[in-house]
């Protein structure tokens, strides 16, 4: 069994200044800011979240923070779904090895929600910041795609249901084919985020789910998403 922390989002009245797990707002950098830049449009990516790593989920990574970004979905670019497409990033501090161009800037695009404004028609974007409550539980071990297809229908459904939801750690529930960044023994699921179950706007395609991964050394992260 693999330990996971299920994510429950909480509205916060004040800006979050501590280095804790959060979504939106602005990153609370442990070291010099390393804001990733879109390879196609040369602009800062949108900040999604920061995740404070702990040894119970990621052995040897206590005290590190992973910062996750994706190119602003208001701009049409290719490659936001690819782990090496140049349009998303996982930055790890301290001791991380960025896989994309970064800049020392502390403020940039962040998560947004769309709300009604009194006296106006349509919905308007507002920047948001969310705290989280995390509850620990266990996921079953990963079953490769070829073996999953051999499961009885009932067992397959039970397996998939156990892996769903927004979580840190655990076992990925891929919508399409298995898509670890490399050998499954070398990578752990960092975060799974279901675009249908979040209180903000984010583009992972049609009912998409994103997956962030971290290598065993805690120095490199990768991000991708799949959709229906």
C-alpha atoms as a PDB file:
ATOM      1  CA  UNK A   1       0.000   0.000   0.000  1.00  0.00           C
ATOM      2  CA  UNK A   2       1.123   3.548  -0.801  1.00  0.00           C
ATOM      3  CA  UNK A   3       0.486   6.475   1.554  1.00  0.00           C
ATOM      4  CA  UNK A   4      -1.486   9.408   0.163  1.00  0.00           C
ATOM      5  CA  UNK A   5      -2.832  12.671   1.532  1.00  0.00           C
ATOM      6  CA  UNK A   6      -6.259  13.572   0.172  1.00  0.00           C
ATOM      7  CA  UNK A   7      -6.624  17.307  -0.489  1.00  0.00           C
ATOM      8  CA  UNK A   8      -9.532  19.374   0.838  1.00  0.00           C
ATOM      9  CA  UNK A   9      -9.414  23.018  -0.254  1.00  0.00           C
ATOM     10  CA  UNK A  10     -10.079  25.863   2.201  1.00  0.00           C
ATOM     11  CA  UNK A  11     -10.735  29.545   1.514  1.00  0.00           C
ATOM     12  CA  UNK A  12      -8.338  31.798   3.407  1.00  0.00           C
ATOM     13  CA  UNK A  13      -9.024  35.400   4.384  1.00  0.00           C
ATOM     14  CA  UNK A  14      -5.396  36.489   4.661  1.00  0.00           C
ATOM     15  CA  UNK A  15      -2.451  35.857   2.320  1.00  0.00           C
ATOM     16  CA  UNK A  16      -0.499  32.714   3.225  1.00  0.00           C
ATOM     17  CA  UNK A  17       3.064  33.744   4.029  1.00  0.00           C
ATOM     18  CA  UNK A  18       4.309  30.481   5.548  1.00  0.00           C
ATOM     19  CA  UNK A  19       6.033  27.800   3.494  1.00  0.00           C
ATOM     20  CA  UNK A  20       3.149  25.333   3.572  1.00  0.00           C
ATOM     21  CA  UNK A  21       1.166  23.402   0.995  1.00  0.00           C
ATOM     22  CA  UNK A  22      -1.204  25.796  -0.765  1.00  0.00           C
ATOM     23  CA  UNK A  23      -2.833  26.519  -4.123  1.00  0.00           C
ATOM     24  CA  UNK A  24      -2.732  29.866  -5.893  1.00  0.00           C
ATOM     25  CA  UNK A  25      -1.498  33.138  -4.466  1.00  0.00           C
ATOM     26  CA  UNK A  26       2.216  33.711  -4.982  1.00  0.00           C
ATOM     27  CA  UNK A  27       5.002  31.204  -4.276  1.00  0.00           C
ATOM     28  CA  UNK A  28       6.743  31.353  -0.903  1.00  0.00           C
ATOM     29  CA  UNK A  29      10.253  30.555  -2.111  1.00  0.00           C
ATOM     30  CA  UNK A  30      12.732  28.795   0.155  1.00  0.00           C
ATOM     31  CA  UNK A  31      15.635  30.154  -1.884  1.00  0.00           C
ATOM     32  CA  UNK A  32      16.060  32.676  -4.687  1.00  0.00           C
ATOM     33  CA  UNK A  33      12.955  32.770  -6.879  1.00  0.00           C
ATOM     34  CA  UNK A  34      13.053  30.418  -9.886  1.00  0.00           C
ATOM     35  CA  UNK A  35       9.923  31.291 -11.870  1.00  0.00           C
ATOM     36  CA  UNK A  36       9.698  29.065 -14.969  1.00  0.00           C
ATOM     37  CA  UNK A  37       9.269  30.653 -18.391  1.00  0.00           C
ATOM     38  CA  UNK A  38       7.163  29.363 -21.289  1.00  0.00           C
ATOM     39  CA  UNK A  39       9.338  28.030 -24.078  1.00  0.00           C
ATOM     40  CA  UNK A  40       6.897  29.229 -26.747  1.00  0.00           C
ATOM     41  CA  UNK A  41       5.751  32.674 -25.590  1.00  0.00           C
ATOM     42  CA  UNK A  42       8.672  33.571 -23.279  1.00  0.00           C
ATOM     43  CA  UNK A  43       6.329  34.625 -20.465  1.00  0.00           C
ATOM     44  CA  UNK A  44       6.107  33.492 -16.827  1.00  0.00           C
ATOM     45  CA  UNK A  45       3.970  30.393 -16.376  1.00  0.00           C
ATOM     46  CA  UNK A  46       0.899  30.351 -14.148  1.00  0.00           C
ATOM     47  CA  UNK A  47       1.592  29.284 -10.554  1.00  0.00           C
ATOM     48  CA  UNK A  48      -0.614  26.359  -9.547  1.00  0.00           C
ATOM     49  CA  UNK A  49       0.592  25.310  -6.114  1.00  0.00           C
ATOM     50  CA  UNK A  50       3.424  24.629  -3.714  1.00  0.00           C
ATOM     51  CA  UNK A  51       3.737  21.323  -1.872  1.00  0.00           C
ATOM     52  CA  UNK A  52       5.711  20.942   1.331  1.00  0.00           C
ATOM     53  CA  UNK A  53       7.398  17.550   1.146  1.00  0.00           C
ATOM     54  CA  UNK A  54       7.488  15.183   4.109  1.00  0.00           C
ATOM     55  CA  UNK A  55       9.367  11.960   4.767  1.00  0.00           C
ATOM     56  CA  UNK A  56       6.206   9.893   5.253  1.00  0.00           C
ATOM     57  CA  UNK A  57       5.308  10.418   1.589  1.00  0.00           C
ATOM     58  CA  UNK A  58       8.703  11.177   0.051  1.00  0.00           C
ATOM     59  CA  UNK A  59      11.560   9.609   2.039  1.00  0.00           C
ATOM     60  CA  UNK A  60      14.635  11.810   2.279  1.00  0.00           C
ATOM     61  CA  UNK A  61      12.791  14.935   1.099  1.00  0.00           C
ATOM     62  CA  UNK A  62      11.730  16.422   4.439  1.00  0.00           C
ATOM     63  CA  UNK A  63      12.068  20.204   4.361  1.00  0.00           C
ATOM     64  CA  UNK A  64      11.900  20.534   0.583  1.00  0.00           C
ATOM     65  CA  UNK A  65       9.133  22.295  -1.331  1.00  0.00           C
ATOM     66  CA  UNK A  66       7.884  21.546  -4.856  1.00  0.00           C
ATOM     67  CA  UNK A  67       6.439  24.460  -6.853  1.00  0.00           C
ATOM     68  CA  UNK A  68       4.183  23.536  -9.789  1.00  0.00           C
ATOM     69  CA  UNK A  69       3.480  25.760 -12.813  1.00  0.00           C
ATOM     70  CA  UNK A  70       1.804  25.572 -16.222  1.00  0.00           C
ATOM     71  CA  UNK A  71       1.743  28.077 -19.068  1.00  0.00           C
ATOM     72  CA  UNK A  72      -1.169  30.515 -18.756  1.00  0.00           C
ATOM     73  CA  UNK A  73      -4.192  28.859 -20.365  1.00  0.00           C
ATOM     74  CA  UNK A  74      -5.386  32.217 -21.735  1.00  0.00           C
ATOM     75  CA  UNK A  75      -2.629  31.816 -24.307  1.00  0.00           C
ATOM     76  CA  UNK A  76      -2.963  29.045 -26.893  1.00  0.00           C
ATOM     77  CA  UNK A  77       0.222  27.022 -26.793  1.00  0.00           C
ATOM     78  CA  UNK A  78       1.036  23.416 -27.519  1.00  0.00           C
ATOM     79  CA  UNK A  79       2.671  21.137 -25.021  1.00  0.00           C
ATOM     80  CA  UNK A  80       1.094  22.018 -21.668  1.00  0.00           C
ATOM     81  CA  UNK A  81       0.199  18.323 -21.285  1.00  0.00           C
ATOM     82  CA  UNK A  82       3.694  17.007 -21.986  1.00  0.00           C
ATOM     83  CA  UNK A  83       6.309  16.474 -19.259  1.00  0.00           C
ATOM     84  CA  UNK A  84       9.055  17.808 -21.529  1.00  0.00           C
ATOM     85  CA  UNK A  85       7.040  20.174 -23.731  1.00  0.00           C
ATOM     86  CA  UNK A  86       8.479  23.352 -22.226  1.00  0.00           C
ATOM     87  CA  UNK A  87       5.071  24.575 -21.033  1.00  0.00           C
ATOM     88  CA  UNK A  88       4.920  23.290 -17.469  1.00  0.00           C
ATOM     89  CA  UNK A  89       7.404  22.877 -14.647  1.00  0.00           C
ATOM     90  CA  UNK A  90       8.026  21.448 -11.202  1.00  0.00           C
ATOM     91  CA  UNK A  91      10.655  23.469  -9.338  1.00  0.00           C
ATOM     92  CA  UNK A  92      12.127  21.898  -6.192  1.00  0.00           C
ATOM     93  CA  UNK A  93      13.959  23.784  -3.446  1.00  0.00           C
ATOM     94  CA  UNK A  94      16.474  23.369  -1.969  1.00  0.00           C
ATOM     95  CA  UNK A  95      18.777  21.282  -4.137  1.00  0.00           C
ATOM     96  CA  UNK A  96      16.513  21.009  -7.168  1.00  0.00           C
ATOM     97  CA  UNK A  97      17.587  20.894 -10.799  1.00  0.00           C
ATOM     98  CA  UNK A  98      15.220  23.007 -12.951  1.00  0.00           C
ATOM     99  CA  UNK A  99      14.558  21.437 -16.347  1.00  0.00           C
ATOM    100  CA  UNK A 100      13.505  24.712 -17.991  1.00  0.00           C
ATOM    101  CA  UNK A 101      14.514  28.378 -18.173  1.00  0.00           C
ATOM    102  CA  UNK A 102      13.712  30.297 -14.980  1.00  0.00           C
ATOM    103  CA  UNK A 103      13.840  33.929 -13.882  1.00  0.00           C
ATOM    104  CA  UNK A 104      14.337  35.542 -10.499  1.00  0.00           C
ATOM    105  CA  UNK A 105      10.874  37.081 -10.211  1.00  0.00           C
ATOM    106  CA  UNK A 106       8.616  36.756  -7.179  1.00  0.00           C
ATOM    107  CA  UNK A 107       5.219  37.771  -8.599  1.00  0.00           C
ATOM    108  CA  UNK A 108       3.446  36.351 -11.626  1.00  0.00           C
ATOM    109  CA  UNK A 109       0.241  34.749 -12.957  1.00  0.00           C
ATOM    110  CA  UNK A 110      -1.640  32.613 -10.449  1.00  0.00           C
ATOM    111  CA  UNK A 111      -4.791  30.522 -10.130  1.00  0.00           C
ATOM    112  CA  UNK A 112      -8.084  32.219 -10.892  1.00  0.00           C
ATOM    113  CA  UNK A 113     -11.787  31.675 -10.442  1.00  0.00           C
ATOM    114  CA  UNK A 114     -14.556  33.281 -12.496  1.00  0.00           C
ATOM    115  CA  UNK A 115     -17.254  35.149 -10.572  1.00  0.00           C
ATOM    116  CA  UNK A 116     -20.271  37.338 -11.179  1.00  0.00           C
ATOM    117  CA  UNK A 117     -19.808  41.081 -10.654  1.00  0.00           C
ATOM    118  CA  UNK A 118     -22.788  43.139  -9.540  1.00  0.00           C
ATOM    119  CA  UNK A 119     -24.111  45.338 -12.313  1.00  0.00           C
ATOM    120  CA  UNK A 120     -22.152  43.547 -15.032  1.00  0.00           C
ATOM    121  CA  UNK A 121     -22.921  40.671 -17.335  1.00  0.00           C
ATOM    122  CA  UNK A 122     -20.748  37.614 -17.712  1.00  0.00           C
ATOM    123  CA  UNK A 123     -18.089  36.199 -15.416  1.00  0.00           C
ATOM    124  CA  UNK A 124     -14.865  37.945 -14.432  1.00  0.00           C
ATOM    125  CA  UNK A 125     -11.557  36.371 -13.353  1.00  0.00           C
ATOM    126  CA  UNK A 126     -10.209  36.923  -9.854  1.00  0.00           C
ATOM    127  CA  UNK A 127      -6.914  35.676  -8.422  1.00  0.00           C
ATOM    128  CA  UNK A 128      -7.370  33.194  -5.604  1.00  0.00           C
ATOM    129  CA  UNK A 129      -5.326  31.540  -2.870  1.00  0.00           C
ATOM    130  CA  UNK A 130      -6.419  28.390  -1.062  1.00  0.00           C
ATOM    131  CA  UNK A 131      -5.178  26.599   2.032  1.00  0.00           C
ATOM    132  CA  UNK A 132      -5.614  22.840   2.356  1.00  0.00           C
ATOM    133  CA  UNK A 133      -6.574  20.195   4.869  1.00  0.00           C
ATOM    134  CA  UNK A 134      -4.760  16.909   4.257  1.00  0.00           C
ATOM    135  CA  UNK A 135      -6.041  13.517   5.382  1.00  0.00           C
ATOM    136  CA  UNK A 136      -3.830  10.438   5.198  1.00  0.00           C
ATOM    137  CA  UNK A 137      -4.961   7.108   3.784  1.00  0.00           C
ATOM    138  CA  UNK A 138      -3.592   4.272   1.648  1.00  0.00           C
ATOM    139  CA  UNK A 139      -3.699   3.589  -2.087  1.00  0.00           C
ATOM    140  CA  UNK A 140      -3.204   0.118  -3.556  1.00  0.00           C
ATOM    141  CA  UNK A 141       0.072  -0.582  -5.315  1.00  0.00           C
ATOM    142  CA  UNK A 142       0.319   0.454  -8.958  1.00  0.00           C
ATOM    143  CA  UNK A 143      -0.914  -2.151 -11.447  1.00  0.00           C
ATOM    144  CA  UNK A 144       0.499  -1.723 -14.976  1.00  0.00           C
ATOM    145  CA  UNK A 145      -1.949  -1.082 -17.794  1.00  0.00           C
ATOM    146  CA  UNK A 146      -1.591  -4.535 -19.373  1.00  0.00           C
ATOM    147  CA  UNK A 147      -2.370  -6.215 -16.047  1.00  0.00           C
ATOM    148  CA  UNK A 148      -5.298  -3.891 -15.290  1.00  0.00           C
ATOM    149  CA  UNK A 149      -7.034  -5.044 -18.464  1.00  0.00           C
ATOM    150  CA  UNK A 150      -6.919  -8.602 -17.133  1.00  0.00           C
ATOM    151  CA  UNK A 151      -8.878  -7.662 -14.003  1.00  0.00           C
ATOM    152  CA  UNK A 152     -12.539  -8.554 -13.732  1.00  0.00           C
ATOM    153  CA  UNK A 153     -14.794  -5.563 -14.428  1.00  0.00           C
ATOM    154  CA  UNK A 154     -15.786  -5.240 -10.778  1.00  0.00           C
ATOM    155  CA  UNK A 155     -12.178  -5.411  -9.573  1.00  0.00           C
ATOM    156  CA  UNK A 156     -11.060  -2.895 -12.206  1.00  0.00           C
ATOM    157  CA  UNK A 157     -13.758  -0.431 -11.126  1.00  0.00           C
ATOM    158  CA  UNK A 158     -12.862  -0.832  -7.444  1.00  0.00           C
ATOM    159  CA  UNK A 159      -9.174  -0.260  -8.206  1.00  0.00           C
ATOM    160  CA  UNK A 160      -9.849   2.920 -10.187  1.00  0.00           C
ATOM    161  CA  UNK A 161     -12.269   4.297  -7.588  1.00  0.00           C
ATOM    162  CA  UNK A 162      -9.700   3.876  -4.823  1.00  0.00           C
ATOM    163  CA  UNK A 163      -7.143   5.940  -6.765  1.00  0.00           C
ATOM    164  CA  UNK A 164      -9.342   8.887  -7.716  1.00  0.00           C
ATOM    165  CA  UNK A 165      -9.517  12.412  -6.352  1.00  0.00           C
ATOM    166  CA  UNK A 166      -7.108  15.220  -5.573  1.00  0.00           C
ATOM    167  CA  UNK A 167      -4.142  13.999  -3.589  1.00  0.00           C
ATOM    168  CA  UNK A 168      -0.488  14.315  -2.682  1.00  0.00           C
ATOM    169  CA  UNK A 169       1.449  11.078  -2.976  1.00  0.00           C
ATOM    170  CA  UNK A 170      -0.217   7.743  -3.547  1.00  0.00           C
ATOM    171  CA  UNK A 171      -0.737   5.847  -6.794  1.00  0.00           C
ATOM    172  CA  UNK A 172      -1.657   7.569 -10.073  1.00  0.00           C
ATOM    173  CA  UNK A 173      -5.001   6.864 -11.723  1.00  0.00           C
ATOM    174  CA  UNK A 174      -4.194   7.473 -15.385  1.00  0.00           C
ATOM    175  CA  UNK A 175      -7.125   8.425 -17.621  1.00  0.00           C
ATOM    176  CA  UNK A 176      -5.278   7.161 -20.670  1.00  0.00           C
ATOM    177  CA  UNK A 177      -2.189   4.962 -20.886  1.00  0.00           C
ATOM    178  CA  UNK A 178       0.475   4.698 -18.199  1.00  0.00           C
ATOM    179  CA  UNK A 179       2.686   7.778 -18.449  1.00  0.00           C
ATOM    180  CA  UNK A 180       5.390   7.842 -15.807  1.00  0.00           C
ATOM    181  CA  UNK A 181       8.256  10.193 -16.791  1.00  0.00           C
ATOM    182  CA  UNK A 182      10.619   7.204 -16.764  1.00  0.00           C
ATOM    183  CA  UNK A 183      11.086   3.874 -15.027  1.00  0.00           C
ATOM    184  CA  UNK A 184       8.315   3.435 -12.453  1.00  0.00           C
ATOM    185  CA  UNK A 185      10.901   2.537  -9.805  1.00  0.00           C
ATOM    186  CA  UNK A 186      12.597   5.923 -10.238  1.00  0.00           C
ATOM    187  CA  UNK A 187       9.543   8.193  -9.886  1.00  0.00           C
ATOM    188  CA  UNK A 188       6.844   8.765  -7.264  1.00  0.00           C
ATOM    189  CA  UNK A 189       3.506  10.491  -7.723  1.00  0.00           C
ATOM    190  CA  UNK A 190       3.839  13.958  -6.224  1.00  0.00           C
ATOM    191  CA  UNK A 191       0.310  15.230  -6.880  1.00  0.00           C
ATOM    192  CA  UNK A 192      -2.847  14.244  -8.733  1.00  0.00           C
ATOM    193  CA  UNK A 193      -5.351  17.000  -9.552  1.00  0.00           C
ATOM    194  CA  UNK A 194      -8.785  16.439 -11.107  1.00  0.00           C
ATOM    195  CA  UNK A 195      -9.977  19.531 -12.987  1.00  0.00           C
ATOM    196  CA  UNK A 196     -13.612  18.537 -12.336  1.00  0.00           C
ATOM    197  CA  UNK A 197     -13.100  18.568  -8.556  1.00  0.00           C
ATOM    198  CA  UNK A 198     -11.301  21.863  -7.888  1.00  0.00           C
ATOM    199  CA  UNK A 199     -12.683  25.304  -6.858  1.00  0.00           C
ATOM    200  CA  UNK A 200     -10.743  27.203  -9.514  1.00  0.00           C
ATOM    201  CA  UNK A 201     -10.394  27.378 -13.272  1.00  0.00           C
ATOM    202  CA  UNK A 202      -7.680  25.281 -14.871  1.00  0.00           C
ATOM    203  CA  UNK A 203      -7.375  23.795 -18.339  1.00  0.00           C
ATOM    204  CA  UNK A 204      -6.468  20.114 -18.466  1.00  0.00           C
ATOM    205  CA  UNK A 205      -8.560  19.506 -21.576  1.00  0.00           C
ATOM    206  CA  UNK A 206     -11.903  17.683 -21.478  1.00  0.00           C
ATOM    207  CA  UNK A 207     -12.456  16.571 -17.849  1.00  0.00           C
ATOM    208  CA  UNK A 208      -8.705  16.232 -17.490  1.00  0.00           C
ATOM    209  CA  UNK A 209      -6.488  15.103 -14.644  1.00  0.00           C
ATOM    210  CA  UNK A 210      -2.925  16.264 -14.035  1.00  0.00           C
ATOM    211  CA  UNK A 211      -0.059  14.287 -12.549  1.00  0.00           C
ATOM    212  CA  UNK A 212       3.128  15.647 -11.024  1.00  0.00           C
ATOM    213  CA  UNK A 213       6.027  13.297 -10.291  1.00  0.00           C
ATOM    214  CA  UNK A 214       9.252  13.572  -8.320  1.00  0.00           C
ATOM    215  CA  UNK A 215      12.384  11.471  -8.690  1.00  0.00           C
ATOM    216  CA  UNK A 216      13.650   9.389  -5.789  1.00  0.00           C
ATOM    217  CA  UNK A 217      16.485  11.848  -5.099  1.00  0.00           C
ATOM    218  CA  UNK A 218      14.025  14.716  -4.692  1.00  0.00           C
ATOM    219  CA  UNK A 219      15.874  16.889  -7.201  1.00  0.00           C
ATOM    220  CA  UNK A 220      13.739  16.737 -10.377  1.00  0.00           C
ATOM    221  CA  UNK A 221       9.998  16.995 -10.908  1.00  0.00           C
ATOM    222  CA  UNK A 222       7.841  16.410 -13.978  1.00  0.00           C
ATOM    223  CA  UNK A 223       4.253  17.406 -14.786  1.00  0.00           C
ATOM    224  CA  UNK A 224       1.718  16.179 -17.345  1.00  0.00           C
ATOM    225  CA  UNK A 225      -1.995  15.893 -17.851  1.00  0.00           C
ATOM    226  CA  UNK A 226      -4.412  13.568 -19.609  1.00  0.00           C
ATOM    227  CA  UNK A 227      -8.038  14.074 -20.628  1.00  0.00           C
ATOM    228  CA  UNK A 228     -11.034  12.020 -21.712  1.00  0.00           C
END
